[in-house]
C-alpha atoms as a PDB file:
ATOM      1  CA  MET A   1       9.392  23.135  28.359  1.00  0.00           C
ATOM      2  CA  ILE A   2      10.194  23.565  24.670  1.00  0.00           C
ATOM      3  CA  PHE A   3       7.406  23.191  22.136  1.00  0.00           C
ATOM      4  CA  LEU A   4       7.892  21.643  18.724  1.00  0.00           C
ATOM      5  CA  LYS A   5       5.972  23.615  16.185  1.00  0.00           C
ATOM      6  CA  ARG A   6       4.556  21.704  13.294  1.00  0.00           C
ATOM      7  CA  SER A   7       6.538  22.240  10.115  1.00  0.00           C
ATOM      8  CA  ARG A   8       4.909  22.380   6.694  1.00  0.00           C
ATOM      9  CA  SER A   9       3.289  19.076   5.958  1.00  0.00           C
ATOM     10  CA  ASN A  10       5.451  17.124   3.539  1.00  0.00           C
ATOM     11  CA  ARG A  11       4.490  13.808   2.060  1.00  0.00           C
ATOM     12  CA  ILE A  12       6.939  10.945   2.234  1.00  0.00           C
ATOM     13  CA  ALA A  13       7.596   9.641  -1.265  1.00  0.00           C
ATOM     14  CA  THR A  14       6.731   6.030  -0.580  1.00  0.00           C
ATOM     15  CA  SER A  15       3.589   3.972  -0.404  1.00  0.00           C
ATOM     16  CA  GLY A  16       4.918   1.674   2.293  1.00  0.00           C
ATOM     17  CA  ARG A  17       3.674  -1.510   0.706  1.00  0.00           C
ATOM     18  CA  GLY A  18       5.701  -2.550  -2.303  1.00  0.00           C
ATOM     19  CA  SER A  19       8.739  -0.505  -1.326  1.00  0.00           C
ATOM     20  CA  PHE A  20       9.692  -2.678   1.648  1.00  0.00           C
ATOM     21  CA  GLU A  21      12.914  -4.611   1.238  1.00  0.00           C
ATOM     22  CA  PRO A  22      13.919  -7.085   3.956  1.00  0.00           C
ATOM     23  CA  PHE A  23      17.343  -6.371   5.406  1.00  0.00           C
ATOM     24  CA  SER A  24      18.331 -10.018   5.310  1.00  0.00           C
ATOM     25  CA  SER A  25      16.831 -13.451   4.698  1.00  0.00           C
ATOM     26  CA  ARG A  26      19.591 -15.161   6.647  1.00  0.00           C
ATOM     27  CA  TYR A  27      17.399 -16.215   9.583  1.00  0.00           C
ATOM     28  CA  ARG A  28      14.107 -16.567   7.727  1.00  0.00           C
ATOM     29  CA  ASN A  29      12.526 -20.010   7.819  1.00  0.00           C
ATOM     30  CA  ALA A  30      11.832 -21.506   4.403  1.00  0.00           C
ATOM     31  CA  GLY A  31       8.148 -21.167   3.558  1.00  0.00           C
ATOM     32  CA  ALA A  32       7.454 -18.769   6.423  1.00  0.00           C
ATOM     33  CA  THR A  33       5.114 -15.896   5.695  1.00  0.00           C
ATOM     34  CA  PHE A  34       5.214 -12.408   7.139  1.00  0.00           C
ATOM     35  CA  THR A  35       2.992  -9.368   7.230  1.00  0.00           C
ATOM     36  CA  PRO A  36       4.539  -6.466   5.329  1.00  0.00           C
ATOM     37  CA  PRO A  37       4.801  -3.144   7.168  1.00  0.00           C
ATOM     38  CA  VAL A  38       2.113  -0.512   6.775  1.00  0.00           C
ATOM     39  CA  PHE A  39       4.774   2.190   6.487  1.00  0.00           C
ATOM     40  CA  ALA A  40       8.285   1.851   5.067  1.00  0.00           C
ATOM     41  CA  TYR A  41      10.587   4.640   3.986  1.00  0.00           C
ATOM     42  CA  PRO A  42      13.828   4.949   2.047  1.00  0.00           C
ATOM     43  CA  ARG A  43      17.134   5.394   3.884  1.00  0.00           C
ATOM     44  CA  ARG A  44      17.355   9.031   2.797  1.00  0.00           C
ATOM     45  CA  PHE A  45      14.513   9.759   5.253  1.00  0.00           C
ATOM     46  CA  GLY A  46      16.214   7.930   8.147  1.00  0.00           C
ATOM     47  CA  ASN A  47      16.972   4.424   9.275  1.00  0.00           C
ATOM     48  CA  SER A  48      15.526   3.746  12.724  1.00  0.00           C
ATOM     49  CA  ILE A  49      11.793   4.081  13.329  1.00  0.00           C
ATOM     50  CA  THR A  50      10.661   5.018  16.832  1.00  0.00           C
ATOM     51  CA  GLY A  51       7.064   4.007  17.520  1.00  0.00           C
ATOM     52  CA  GLY A  52       4.567   6.508  18.818  1.00  0.00           C
ATOM     53  CA  TYR A  53       0.892   7.001  19.607  1.00  0.00           C
ATOM     54  CA  VAL A  54      -2.410   7.833  17.969  1.00  0.00           C
ATOM     55  CA  TYR A  55      -3.173  11.523  18.523  1.00  0.00           C
ATOM     56  CA  ARG A  56      -6.463  11.952  20.427  1.00  0.00           C
ATOM     57  CA  ALA A  57      -6.078  15.228  22.366  1.00  0.00           C
ATOM     58  CA  ASP A  58      -8.087  17.642  20.201  1.00  0.00           C
ATOM     59  CA  ALA A  59     -10.912  16.321  18.036  1.00  0.00           C
ATOM     60  CA  LYS A  60     -10.797  19.556  15.990  1.00  0.00           C
ATOM     61  CA  SER A  61      -7.174  18.999  14.981  1.00  0.00           C
ATOM     62  CA  PRO A  62      -6.670  17.753  11.421  1.00  0.00           C
ATOM     63  CA  PHE A  63      -4.280  15.195  12.949  1.00  0.00           C
ATOM     64  CA  TYR A  64      -6.887  13.670  15.272  1.00  0.00           C
ATOM     65  CA  GLY A  65      -6.686   9.889  14.843  1.00  0.00           C
ATOM     66  CA  ALA A  66      -3.286   9.978  13.092  1.00  0.00           C
ATOM     67  CA  TYR A  67      -0.523   7.680  14.274  1.00  0.00           C
ATOM     68  CA  VAL A  68       2.479   9.851  15.169  1.00  0.00           C
ATOM     69  CA  CYS A  69       5.936   8.275  15.006  1.00  0.00           C
ATOM     70  CA  GLY A  70       9.459   9.359  14.123  1.00  0.00           C
ATOM     71  CA  ASP A  71      12.945   8.415  13.044  1.00  0.00           C
ATOM     72  CA  TYR A  72      15.743   8.355  15.615  1.00  0.00           C
ATOM     73  CA  THR A  73      18.517   9.311  13.190  1.00  0.00           C
ATOM     74  CA  SER A  74      16.894  11.947  10.968  1.00  0.00           C
ATOM     75  CA  ARG A  75      14.699  13.352  13.803  1.00  0.00           C
ATOM     76  CA  ARG A  76      11.712  13.480  11.410  1.00  0.00           C
ATOM     77  CA  VAL A  77       8.242  13.181  12.985  1.00  0.00           C
ATOM     78  CA  TRP A  78       5.436  11.753  10.844  1.00  0.00           C
ATOM     79  CA  ALA A  79       1.650  11.519  11.082  1.00  0.00           C
ATOM     80  CA  ILE A  80       0.182   8.467   9.372  1.00  0.00           C
ATOM     81  CA  THR A  81      -3.532   8.169   8.656  1.00  0.00           C
ATOM     82  CA  GLN A  82      -5.556   5.181   7.538  1.00  0.00           C
ATOM     83  CA  LYS A  83      -8.999   4.571   6.181  1.00  0.00           C
ATOM     84  CA  ASP A  84     -10.705   1.173   6.072  1.00  0.00           C
ATOM     85  CA  ARG A  85      -7.508  -0.458   7.368  1.00  0.00           C
ATOM     86  CA  ALA A  86      -5.416   0.886   4.476  1.00  0.00           C
ATOM     87  CA  MET A  87      -2.817   3.645   4.693  1.00  0.00           C
ATOM     88  CA  GLU A  88      -4.259   6.926   3.475  1.00  0.00           C
ATOM     89  CA  SER A  89      -1.456   9.473   3.967  1.00  0.00           C
ATOM     90  CA  ILE A  90       1.978  10.044   5.461  1.00  0.00           C
ATOM     91  CA  ARG A  91       3.012  13.574   6.421  1.00  0.00           C
ATOM     92  CA  GLN A  92       6.155  14.912   7.972  1.00  0.00           C
ATOM     93  CA  ILE A  93       4.833  17.206  10.707  1.00  0.00           C
ATOM     94  CA  ALA A  94       7.977  18.208  12.613  1.00  0.00           C
ATOM     95  CA  LEU A  95      11.722  17.920  12.977  1.00  0.00           C
ATOM     96  CA  ALA A  96      12.728  17.118  16.556  1.00  0.00           C
ATOM     97  CA  PRO A  97      15.560  19.153  18.134  1.00  0.00           C
ATOM     98  CA  GLU A  98      17.205  15.913  19.337  1.00  0.00           C
ATOM     99  CA  ARG A  99      17.309  12.319  18.145  1.00  0.00           C
ATOM    100  CA  ILE A 100      14.012  10.639  19.024  1.00  0.00           C
ATOM    101  CA  SER A 101      14.311   7.930  21.653  1.00  0.00           C
ATOM    102  CA  SER A 102      10.621   7.668  22.560  1.00  0.00           C
ATOM    103  CA  PHE A 103       7.191   9.265  22.538  1.00  0.00           C
ATOM    104  CA  ALA A 104       4.903   9.885  25.495  1.00  0.00           C
ATOM    105  CA  ARG A 105       1.258  10.783  26.004  1.00  0.00           C
ATOM    106  CA  ASP A 106      -0.256  12.649  28.951  1.00  0.00           C
ATOM    107  CA  GLU A 107      -3.665  12.160  30.574  1.00  0.00           C
ATOM    108  CA  ASN A 108      -5.224  14.629  28.108  1.00  0.00           C
ATOM    109  CA  GLY A 109      -3.867  12.793  25.050  1.00  0.00           C
ATOM    110  CA  ARG A 110      -1.209  15.391  24.191  1.00  0.00           C
ATOM    111  CA  LEU A 111       1.920  13.912  22.649  1.00  0.00           C
ATOM    112  CA  TYR A 112       5.543  14.432  23.636  1.00  0.00           C
ATOM    113  CA  VAL A 113       8.835  13.602  21.927  1.00  0.00           C
ATOM    114  CA  VAL A 114      11.548  12.255  24.220  1.00  0.00           C
ATOM    115  CA  GLY A 115      14.980  13.283  22.987  1.00  0.00           C
ATOM    116  CA  TYR A 116      18.065  11.106  23.301  1.00  0.00           C
ATOM    117  CA  GLU A 117      19.823  13.807  25.355  1.00  0.00           C
ATOM    118  CA  GLY A 118      17.021  13.664  27.936  1.00  0.00           C
ATOM    119  CA  MET A 119      14.811  16.613  27.006  1.00  0.00           C
ATOM    120  CA  ILE A 120      11.047  16.194  26.608  1.00  0.00           C
ATOM    121  CA  PHE A 121       9.284  18.271  23.947  1.00  0.00           C
ATOM    122  CA  ARG A 122       5.533  18.763  23.583  1.00  0.00           C
ATOM    123  CA  LEU A 123       4.331  18.175  20.040  1.00  0.00           C
ATOM    124  CA  ASP A 124       1.824  20.852  19.018  1.00  0.00           C
ATOM    125  CA  VAL A 125      -0.546  19.498  16.354  1.00  0.00           C
ATOM    126  CA  SER A 126      -3.678  21.293  17.526  1.00  0.00           C
ATOM    127  CA  SER A 127      -3.603  24.176  15.041  1.00  0.00           C
ATOM    128  CA  PRO A 128      -7.094  24.634  13.587  1.00  0.00           C
ATOM    129  CA  THR A 129      -5.557  25.929  10.335  1.00  0.00           C
ATOM    130  CA  ALA A 130      -3.285  22.919   9.848  1.00  0.00           C
ATOM    131  CA  SER A 131      -3.972  20.670   6.903  1.00  0.00           C
ATOM    132  CA  PRO A 132      -3.114  16.975   7.030  1.00  0.00           C
END
């Protein structure tokens, strides 16, 4: 098994709300409303979000309770935190060795990145010295 080590935490330069631009209005019904995304990012950070899980393995980890997701194309892995149902922070926590096709979680709550080429990588976010 190959372990992904957490890279330096980098903020994504977007607030999510307000920066979202619909790809097309071609099939949108007139007068229809929609809920804007909690997290949106510019194309320079990738272009295909792969959903993930909330990290719950180690309560001492600074990433406990963060939603971990990634981008298929750029291979970036992010941790998103919220407070009172509003986004609080977005951090890049890793760069996957392969394009991200999925995430997995084991019975202990540890997270794994599933690469497009078929490899499974354990995501290590348990460092007690990490800062979200």
